[in-house]
Amino acid sequence: MSDLRYRGLLIVCGLCLLNFVAFVTGAFAIGGDAVNGKIVAGHFYLANHGKLTEVGEAMYAYSLWHARSLFVTHPLAMLTGYLAKLEQQARKAARRSSDGRQAGILPNST
């Protein structure tokens, strides 16, 4: 795999993790999230551990869409992280073999 593709995997994984951190930080700051919240008689509520916070419709919609984005970015982070780890292991093995050492074989003690 080229360095550009490897770095691309790391960047995508990092952005996905950043999205998760932004969601958690935002949910804490605005009083909860819309996934656990509810709409009652035209009033919009975010929920955080059973505590409801009334917000405007736009804030509720933002929270709902940000939570939904996690259903895409969370699996994407796991996939790109896994692929980056495989690539890192392959690079480490290639470095070992180019050094003339073989994995799993002890050096001679003569």
Protein backbone atom coordinates (compact mmCIF):
# COMPACT_ATOMS: atom_id res chain seq x y z
CA MET A 1 0.00 0.00 0.00
CA SER A 2 1.32 3.43 -0.83
CA ASP A 3 2.10 6.02 1.81
CA LEU A 4 -0.69 8.22 0.48
CA ARG A 5 -3.31 5.50 0.96
CA TYR A 6 -1.97 4.62 4.41
CA ARG A 7 -2.08 8.25 5.50
CA GLY A 8 -5.55 8.54 4.00
CA LEU A 9 -6.71 5.65 6.19
CA LEU A 10 -5.26 7.36 9.25
CA ILE A 11 -6.88 10.68 8.35
CA VAL A 12 -10.32 9.14 7.76
CA CYS A 13 -10.06 7.20 11.02
CA GLY A 14 -9.00 10.37 12.86
CA LEU A 15 -11.87 12.39 11.40
CA CYS A 16 -14.36 9.71 12.41
CA LEU A 17 -13.01 9.73 15.96
CA LEU A 18 -13.14 13.51 15.96
CA ASN A 19 -16.82 13.33 14.96
CA PHE A 20 -17.50 11.07 17.94
CA VAL A 21 -15.68 13.41 20.33
CA ALA A 22 -17.59 16.38 18.88
CA PHE A 23 -20.89 14.54 19.40
CA VAL A 24 -20.12 13.67 23.03
CA THR A 25 -18.86 17.19 23.77
CA GLY A 26 -21.84 18.78 22.04
CA ALA A 27 -24.35 16.51 23.77
CA PHE A 28 -22.81 17.41 27.11
CA ALA A 29 -22.87 21.14 26.30
CA ILE A 30 -26.48 21.30 25.06
CA GLY A 31 -27.94 18.99 27.69
CA GLY A 32 -28.33 15.68 25.92
CA ASP A 33 -29.13 14.21 22.53
CA ALA A 34 -32.20 13.87 20.35
CA VAL A 35 -31.93 10.10 19.99
CA ASN A 36 -32.93 9.71 23.63
CA GLY A 37 -35.08 12.84 23.60
CA LYS A 38 -38.64 13.32 22.44
CA ILE A 39 -41.14 15.69 20.86
CA VAL A 40 -44.24 16.47 22.89
CA ALA A 41 -46.95 18.82 21.62
CA GLY A 42 -44.54 20.79 19.43
CA HIS A 43 -41.88 21.07 22.15
CA PHE A 44 -38.49 19.50 21.50
CA TYR A 45 -36.56 17.83 24.29
CA LEU A 46 -33.04 16.43 24.45
CA ALA A 47 -32.36 13.74 27.04
CA ASN A 48 -29.31 12.97 29.12
CA HIS A 49 -29.61 10.15 31.67
CA GLY A 50 -33.33 10.76 32.10
CA LYS A 51 -33.07 14.54 32.41
CA LEU A 52 -34.92 16.41 29.66
CA THR A 53 -33.77 19.78 28.28
CA GLU A 54 -36.11 21.78 26.07
CA VAL A 55 -34.48 23.16 22.92
CA GLY A 56 -35.58 24.70 19.65
CA GLU A 57 -36.47 22.65 16.60
CA ALA A 58 -33.19 23.49 14.83
CA MET A 59 -31.07 22.32 17.78
CA TYR A 60 -33.12 19.13 18.02
CA ALA A 61 -32.66 18.48 14.29
CA TYR A 62 -28.91 19.14 14.56
CA SER A 63 -28.58 16.71 17.46
CA LEU A 64 -30.60 14.06 15.66
CA TRP A 65 -28.54 14.28 12.46
CA HIS A 66 -25.25 14.37 14.34
CA ALA A 67 -26.27 11.21 16.20
CA ARG A 68 -27.27 9.56 12.93
CA SER A 69 -23.91 10.43 11.41
CA LEU A 70 -22.29 8.24 14.06
CA PHE A 71 -24.00 5.20 12.51
CA VAL A 72 -21.80 5.83 9.45
CA THR A 73 -18.60 7.18 10.96
CA HIS A 74 -18.29 4.72 13.85
CA PRO A 75 -18.12 1.57 11.65
CA LEU A 76 -15.95 3.51 9.19
CA ALA A 77 -13.49 4.32 12.00
CA MET A 78 -13.35 0.66 12.99
CA LEU A 79 -12.77 -0.45 9.40
CA THR A 80 -10.09 2.13 8.58
CA GLY A 81 -8.40 1.56 11.94
CA TYR A 82 -8.30 -2.19 11.27
CA LEU A 83 -6.91 -1.71 7.75
CA ALA A 84 -4.30 0.76 9.03
CA LYS A 85 -3.24 -1.74 11.72
CA LEU A 86 -2.85 -4.49 9.11
CA GLU A 87 -0.76 -2.17 6.97
CA GLN A 88 1.37 -1.19 9.97
CA GLN A 89 2.02 -4.86 10.75
CA ALA A 90 2.93 -5.55 7.11
CA ARG A 91 5.36 -2.63 7.11
CA LYS A 92 6.94 -3.81 10.36
CA ALA A 93 7.37 -7.34 8.94
CA ALA A 94 8.90 -5.91 5.75
CA ARG A 95 11.38 -3.87 7.80
CA ARG A 96 12.36 -6.96 9.79
CA SER A 97 12.91 -9.04 6.66
CA SER A 98 14.97 -6.30 5.03
CA ASP A 99 17.19 -6.19 8.13
CA GLY A 100 18.07 -9.83 7.52
CA ARG A 101 16.35 -11.05 10.66
CA GLN A 102 13.50 -13.52 10.57
CA ALA A 103 10.63 -13.35 12.98
CA GLY A 104 10.44 -16.22 15.46
CA ILE A 105 14.06 -17.38 15.07
CA LEU A 106 16.49 -16.80 17.90
CA PRO A 107 19.99 -15.59 17.03
CA ASN A 108 22.87 -18.04 17.25
CA SER A 109 24.67 -17.98 20.58
CA THR A 110 28.05 -19.34 19.49
